[in-house]
């Protein structure tokens, strides 16, 4: 009987045992980049930074957006911007390396394979993280994917994205910070001046409480407590002795510094927005 050759259709070995841990800062940063995106952008993409833990889990700790433009059949990335941002991040956190990339939207799109191919040259087995900022199913779904190649013999035909487990649990320090963020007005976080005003109002309320307590103790309405008395005495003694004129000057100088910082922050934000629009227009042209 004559032997015949068979061509086998197969997937490349899949890293399905791979899992990833995503820190809350990454999700917050992605959402912030989406809010600040150019008006004509349907989604944003960016780089994921982190490390691979000894057990093989990919620890995603940081991220930054990468300017891009895409159509149905092509994607253009600002590679120079990507490398400059990577160099800047690694000067601060040299142990963080590229572990994948992210995009906003409800899932994988047609251009995702092209972007994933680029990041495959930047790192081995990159993770594709998707964040549904449009709340398609009523919630901000976060998913992770890896790419698996479909081939016939030695010829590669296509790539398929397969979902991997994600660990979105927070450590205690991150949970405390998240709880503080939830207790504040997330839609309107206080700026520096509002925070200073709230602190001064709280300080005045505490001083009024101390005055009332001392008066009540002197008049015999409240029994004296030596521990509280020593604590108040130590607190008063720790305050610098300033004249009213010096105190007013100190407060006014602080307010002027805060106003200058707000002005510079607003100016910087405007310049960055203008630069992003120019960069996007240059890529389109």
Protein backbone atom coordinates (compact mmCIF):
# COMPACT_ATOMS: atom_id res chain seq x y z
CA UNK A 1 0.00 0.00 0.00
CA UNK A 2 1.36 3.36 -1.01
CA UNK A 3 1.95 5.71 1.84
CA UNK A 4 0.35 9.17 1.73
CA UNK A 5 1.35 12.38 3.49
CA UNK A 6 -1.19 14.07 5.71
CA UNK A 7 -1.17 17.79 6.46
CA UNK A 8 -2.18 18.38 10.07
CA UNK A 9 -4.10 21.49 11.11
CA UNK A 10 -3.02 22.39 14.61
CA UNK A 11 -2.73 25.14 17.21
CA UNK A 12 0.63 26.07 18.59
CA UNK A 13 1.20 25.19 22.27
CA UNK A 14 -1.12 27.43 24.26
CA UNK A 15 -0.04 29.21 27.43
CA UNK A 16 -3.51 28.71 28.91
CA UNK A 17 -1.97 27.97 32.29
CA UNK A 18 -0.82 31.59 32.27
CA UNK A 19 -2.66 33.90 34.65
CA UNK A 20 -2.33 37.58 35.48
CA UNK A 21 -2.77 39.82 38.49
CA UNK A 22 -3.96 43.37 37.77
CA UNK A 23 -3.47 46.15 40.31
CA UNK A 24 -6.26 48.76 40.71
CA UNK A 25 -3.90 51.58 39.66
CA UNK A 26 -3.76 50.04 36.18
CA UNK A 27 -7.55 50.11 35.77
CA UNK A 28 -7.80 53.67 37.13
CA UNK A 29 -5.06 54.83 34.78
CA UNK A 30 -6.73 53.24 31.75
CA UNK A 31 -10.07 54.85 32.59
CA UNK A 32 -8.35 58.22 33.10
CA UNK A 33 -6.63 57.93 29.71
CA UNK A 34 -9.98 57.08 28.12
CA UNK A 35 -11.63 60.17 29.63
CA UNK A 36 -8.77 62.35 28.31
CA UNK A 37 -8.69 60.74 24.86
CA UNK A 38 -8.91 62.86 21.68
CA UNK A 39 -12.48 63.56 20.60
CA UNK A 40 -12.23 61.51 17.42
CA UNK A 41 -10.76 58.40 19.07
CA UNK A 42 -13.10 55.42 19.44
CA UNK A 43 -10.74 53.64 21.84
CA UNK A 44 -7.31 53.95 23.36
CA UNK A 45 -4.51 51.45 23.54
CA UNK A 46 -1.35 51.36 25.61
CA UNK A 47 1.46 49.38 27.18
CA UNK A 48 1.25 47.22 30.29
CA UNK A 49 4.23 47.12 32.64
CA UNK A 50 5.03 44.69 35.42
CA UNK A 51 6.94 41.49 36.05
CA UNK A 52 6.59 37.72 36.03
CA UNK A 53 6.33 36.23 39.52
CA UNK A 54 8.19 33.03 40.47
CA UNK A 55 4.99 30.97 40.07
CA UNK A 56 4.57 32.22 36.49
CA UNK A 57 1.81 34.73 37.24
CA UNK A 58 2.14 37.99 35.32
CA UNK A 59 1.97 40.89 37.79
CA UNK A 60 0.60 43.97 35.97
CA UNK A 61 1.45 47.05 38.04
CA UNK A 62 1.56 50.00 35.66
CA UNK A 63 0.45 51.25 32.26
CA UNK A 64 0.58 54.17 29.87
CA UNK A 65 -1.37 55.07 26.76
CA UNK A 66 0.24 55.07 23.30
CA UNK A 67 -1.10 57.42 20.58
CA UNK A 68 -2.41 55.52 17.61
CA UNK A 69 -4.78 55.63 14.67
CA UNK A 70 -6.53 52.68 13.09
CA UNK A 71 -8.83 51.75 10.25
CA UNK A 72 -10.35 48.48 9.08
CA UNK A 73 -7.13 47.17 7.51
CA UNK A 74 -4.27 49.02 9.19
CA UNK A 75 -3.06 50.37 12.50
CA UNK A 76 -0.46 53.10 13.09
CA UNK A 77 1.34 53.32 16.45
CA UNK A 78 3.58 56.10 17.70
CA UNK A 79 6.52 53.80 18.36
CA UNK A 80 8.91 56.59 19.32
CA UNK A 81 6.47 57.80 21.99
CA UNK A 82 6.11 54.23 23.26
CA UNK A 83 9.87 53.76 23.63
CA UNK A 84 10.35 57.18 25.25
CA UNK A 85 7.64 56.46 27.82
CA UNK A 86 9.13 53.02 28.51
CA UNK A 87 12.55 54.57 29.09
CA UNK A 88 11.08 57.16 31.46
CA UNK A 89 9.17 54.55 33.47
CA UNK A 90 12.18 52.28 33.80
CA UNK A 91 14.28 55.12 35.18
CA UNK A 92 11.88 55.19 38.13
CA UNK A 93 11.04 51.46 38.29
CA UNK A 94 13.85 49.58 36.52
CA UNK A 95 12.36 46.19 37.45
CA UNK A 96 9.15 46.84 35.50
CA UNK A 97 9.21 45.48 31.96
CA UNK A 98 6.67 45.19 29.16
CA UNK A 99 4.21 42.37 29.86
CA UNK A 100 1.53 43.19 27.29
CA UNK A 101 -0.86 45.88 26.10
CA UNK A 102 -4.36 47.14 26.82
CA UNK A 103 -7.29 48.54 24.91
CA UNK A 104 -10.67 49.95 25.80
CA UNK A 105 -13.84 48.45 24.39
CA UNK A 106 -16.05 45.42 24.80
CA UNK A 107 -13.53 42.91 23.43
CA UNK A 108 -11.06 42.00 20.72
CA UNK A 109 -11.37 43.89 17.40
CA UNK A 110 -10.01 43.35 13.91
CA UNK A 111 -6.94 45.51 14.49
CA UNK A 112 -6.04 43.76 17.74
CA UNK A 113 -4.06 41.06 15.93
CA UNK A 114 -1.84 43.67 14.26
CA UNK A 115 -1.18 45.48 17.56
CA UNK A 116 -0.56 42.17 19.34
CA UNK A 117 1.98 41.24 16.68
CA UNK A 118 3.94 44.41 17.45
CA UNK A 119 3.95 43.75 21.20
CA UNK A 120 4.98 40.14 20.52
CA UNK A 121 8.25 41.61 19.24
CA UNK A 122 8.58 43.66 22.45
CA UNK A 123 8.07 40.73 24.87
CA UNK A 124 7.37 37.00 24.91
CA UNK A 125 3.71 35.91 25.20
CA UNK A 126 2.25 39.41 25.76
CA UNK A 127 -1.09 39.73 27.53
CA UNK A 128 -3.91 41.66 25.93
CA UNK A 129 -6.05 43.39 28.58
CA UNK A 130 -9.45 44.80 27.60
CA UNK A 131 -11.43 47.26 29.74
CA UNK A 132 -15.05 47.91 28.77
CA UNK A 133 -15.29 51.64 29.53
CA UNK A 134 -18.62 51.80 27.70
CA UNK A 135 -20.37 49.54 30.25
CA UNK A 136 -21.81 47.43 27.42
CA UNK A 137 -23.29 44.83 29.78
CA UNK A 138 -23.98 47.26 32.60
CA UNK A 139 -20.53 46.88 34.14
CA UNK A 140 -16.89 47.70 33.38
CA UNK A 141 -15.78 44.24 32.29
CA UNK A 142 -12.03 43.55 32.48
CA UNK A 143 -10.65 40.56 30.56
CA UNK A 144 -7.25 39.17 29.67
CA UNK A 145 -6.25 37.31 26.50
CA UNK A 146 -3.24 35.57 25.00
CA UNK A 147 -2.67 34.78 21.34
CA UNK A 148 -2.58 31.20 20.02
CA UNK A 149 -1.36 30.54 16.48
CA UNK A 150 -3.20 28.29 14.02
CA UNK A 151 -0.87 26.60 11.55
CA UNK A 152 -0.74 23.88 8.88
CA UNK A 153 2.55 22.07 9.22
CA UNK A 154 5.20 24.79 9.41
CA UNK A 155 3.00 27.45 7.81
CA UNK A 156 1.24 29.85 10.16
CA UNK A 157 -2.28 30.78 9.06
CA UNK A 158 -3.85 32.96 11.74
CA UNK A 159 -3.91 33.86 15.40
CA UNK A 160 -6.71 33.34 17.89
CA UNK A 161 -7.20 35.18 21.19
CA UNK A 162 -8.04 32.96 24.15
CA UNK A 163 -9.11 34.31 27.54
CA UNK A 164 -6.96 33.71 30.63
CA UNK A 165 -7.80 34.03 34.35
CA UNK A 166 -7.38 37.48 35.91
CA UNK A 167 -6.86 38.23 39.58
CA UNK A 168 -8.34 41.66 40.39
CA UNK A 169 -8.08 41.36 44.16
CA UNK A 170 -6.56 44.25 46.09
CA UNK A 171 -3.99 44.09 48.84
CA UNK A 172 -4.84 45.84 52.11
CA UNK A 173 -3.04 49.12 51.27
CA UNK A 174 -4.78 49.31 47.88
CA UNK A 175 -8.16 48.54 49.47
CA UNK A 176 -7.75 51.40 51.96
CA UNK A 177 -6.94 53.81 49.15
CA UNK A 178 -9.90 52.56 47.11
CA UNK A 179 -12.27 52.96 50.08
CA UNK A 180 -11.07 56.53 50.58
CA UNK A 181 -11.71 57.22 46.91
CA UNK A 182 -15.24 55.81 47.17
CA UNK A 183 -16.10 57.91 50.24
CA UNK A 184 -15.19 61.11 48.39
CA UNK A 185 -17.22 62.54 45.52
CA UNK A 186 -15.63 60.61 42.69
CA UNK A 187 -17.34 62.75 40.06
CA UNK A 188 -15.88 65.89 41.69
CA UNK A 189 -12.68 65.33 43.60
CA UNK A 190 -11.63 68.39 45.61
CA UNK A 191 -8.77 70.46 44.27
CA UNK A 192 -5.95 71.84 46.41
CA UNK A 193 -7.80 75.00 47.45
CA UNK A 194 -10.98 73.12 48.31
CA UNK A 195 -8.93 70.65 50.33
CA UNK A 196 -7.22 73.49 52.21
CA UNK A 197 -10.57 75.14 52.92
CA UNK A 198 -12.01 71.86 54.26
CA UNK A 199 -8.92 71.36 56.45
CA UNK A 200 -9.18 74.88 57.89
CA UNK A 201 -12.88 74.41 58.64
CA UNK A 202 -12.12 71.13 60.38
CA UNK A 203 -9.30 72.76 62.35
CA UNK A 204 -11.56 75.60 63.49
CA UNK A 205 -14.21 73.09 64.57
CA UNK A 206 -11.63 71.18 66.63
CA UNK A 207 -10.38 74.40 68.26
CA UNK A 208 -13.96 75.30 69.20
CA UNK A 209 -14.40 71.84 70.76
CA UNK A 210 -11.19 72.29 72.80
CA UNK A 211 -12.29 75.76 73.97
CA UNK A 212 -15.64 74.36 75.05
CA UNK A 213 -14.04 71.44 76.88
CA UNK A 214 -11.57 73.68 78.76
CA UNK A 215 -14.36 76.10 79.75
CA UNK A 216 -16.53 73.22 80.98
CA UNK A 217 -13.66 71.85 83.08
CA UNK A 218 -12.93 75.29 84.59
CA UNK A 219 -16.62 75.80 85.44
CA UNK A 220 -16.87 72.31 86.94
CA UNK A 221 -19.39 71.02 84.41
CA UNK A 222 -17.03 68.25 83.24
CA UNK A 223 -14.58 66.32 85.47
CA UNK A 224 -10.95 67.07 84.70
CA UNK A 225 -8.74 64.49 82.99
CA UNK A 226 -5.00 64.86 83.47
CA UNK A 227 -4.17 62.92 80.28
CA UNK A 228 -6.31 65.21 78.13
CA UNK A 229 -4.86 68.26 79.89
CA UNK A 230 -1.28 67.18 79.22
CA UNK A 231 -2.13 66.37 75.60
CA UNK A 232 -3.61 69.85 75.07
CA UNK A 233 -0.62 71.45 76.80
CA UNK A 234 1.88 69.55 74.64
CA UNK A 235 -0.06 70.46 71.49
CA UNK A 236 -0.10 74.17 72.33
CA UNK A 237 3.59 74.09 73.25
CA UNK A 238 4.50 72.51 69.90
CA UNK A 239 2.97 75.40 67.92
CA UNK A 240 5.44 78.01 66.63
CA UNK A 241 5.14 81.40 68.25
CA UNK A 242 4.11 83.75 65.46
CA UNK A 243 2.66 87.21 65.54
CA UNK A 244 -0.71 87.72 63.80
CA UNK A 245 1.06 89.61 61.01
CA UNK A 246 3.57 86.79 60.42
CA UNK A 247 0.78 84.20 60.48
CA UNK A 248 -1.27 86.15 57.91
CA UNK A 249 1.79 86.45 55.67
CA UNK A 250 2.47 82.72 55.96
CA UNK A 251 -1.10 81.82 55.00
CA UNK A 252 -1.20 84.31 52.11
CA UNK A 253 2.10 83.02 50.73
CA UNK A 254 0.74 79.48 50.87
CA UNK A 255 -2.41 80.51 49.01
CA UNK A 256 -0.38 82.24 46.33
CA UNK A 257 1.73 79.12 45.88
CA UNK A 258 -1.43 77.00 45.53
CA UNK A 259 -2.88 79.39 42.93
CA UNK A 260 0.39 79.32 40.98
CA UNK A 261 0.40 75.51 40.99
CA UNK A 262 -3.21 75.43 39.77
CA UNK A 263 -2.35 77.85 36.98
CA UNK A 264 0.69 75.83 35.90
CA UNK A 265 -1.28 72.57 36.02
CA UNK A 266 -4.05 74.07 33.88
CA UNK A 267 -1.50 75.46 31.43
CA UNK A 268 0.30 72.11 31.18
CA UNK A 269 -2.98 70.26 30.63
CA UNK A 270 -3.90 72.63 27.83
CA UNK A 271 -0.51 72.25 26.17
CA UNK A 272 -0.67 68.45 26.36
CA UNK A 273 -4.15 68.42 24.86
CA UNK A 274 -3.00 70.70 22.04
CA UNK A 275 0.07 68.51 21.41
CA UNK A 276 -2.08 65.34 21.27
CA UNK A 277 -4.39 66.93 18.70
CA UNK A 278 -1.42 68.04 16.59
CA UNK A 279 0.10 64.56 16.80
CA UNK A 280 -3.18 62.91 15.77
CA UNK A 281 -3.64 65.35 12.88
CA UNK A 282 -0.08 64.67 11.68
CA UNK A 283 -0.70 60.90 11.76
CA UNK A 284 -3.92 61.30 9.74
CA UNK A 285 -2.19 63.48 7.17
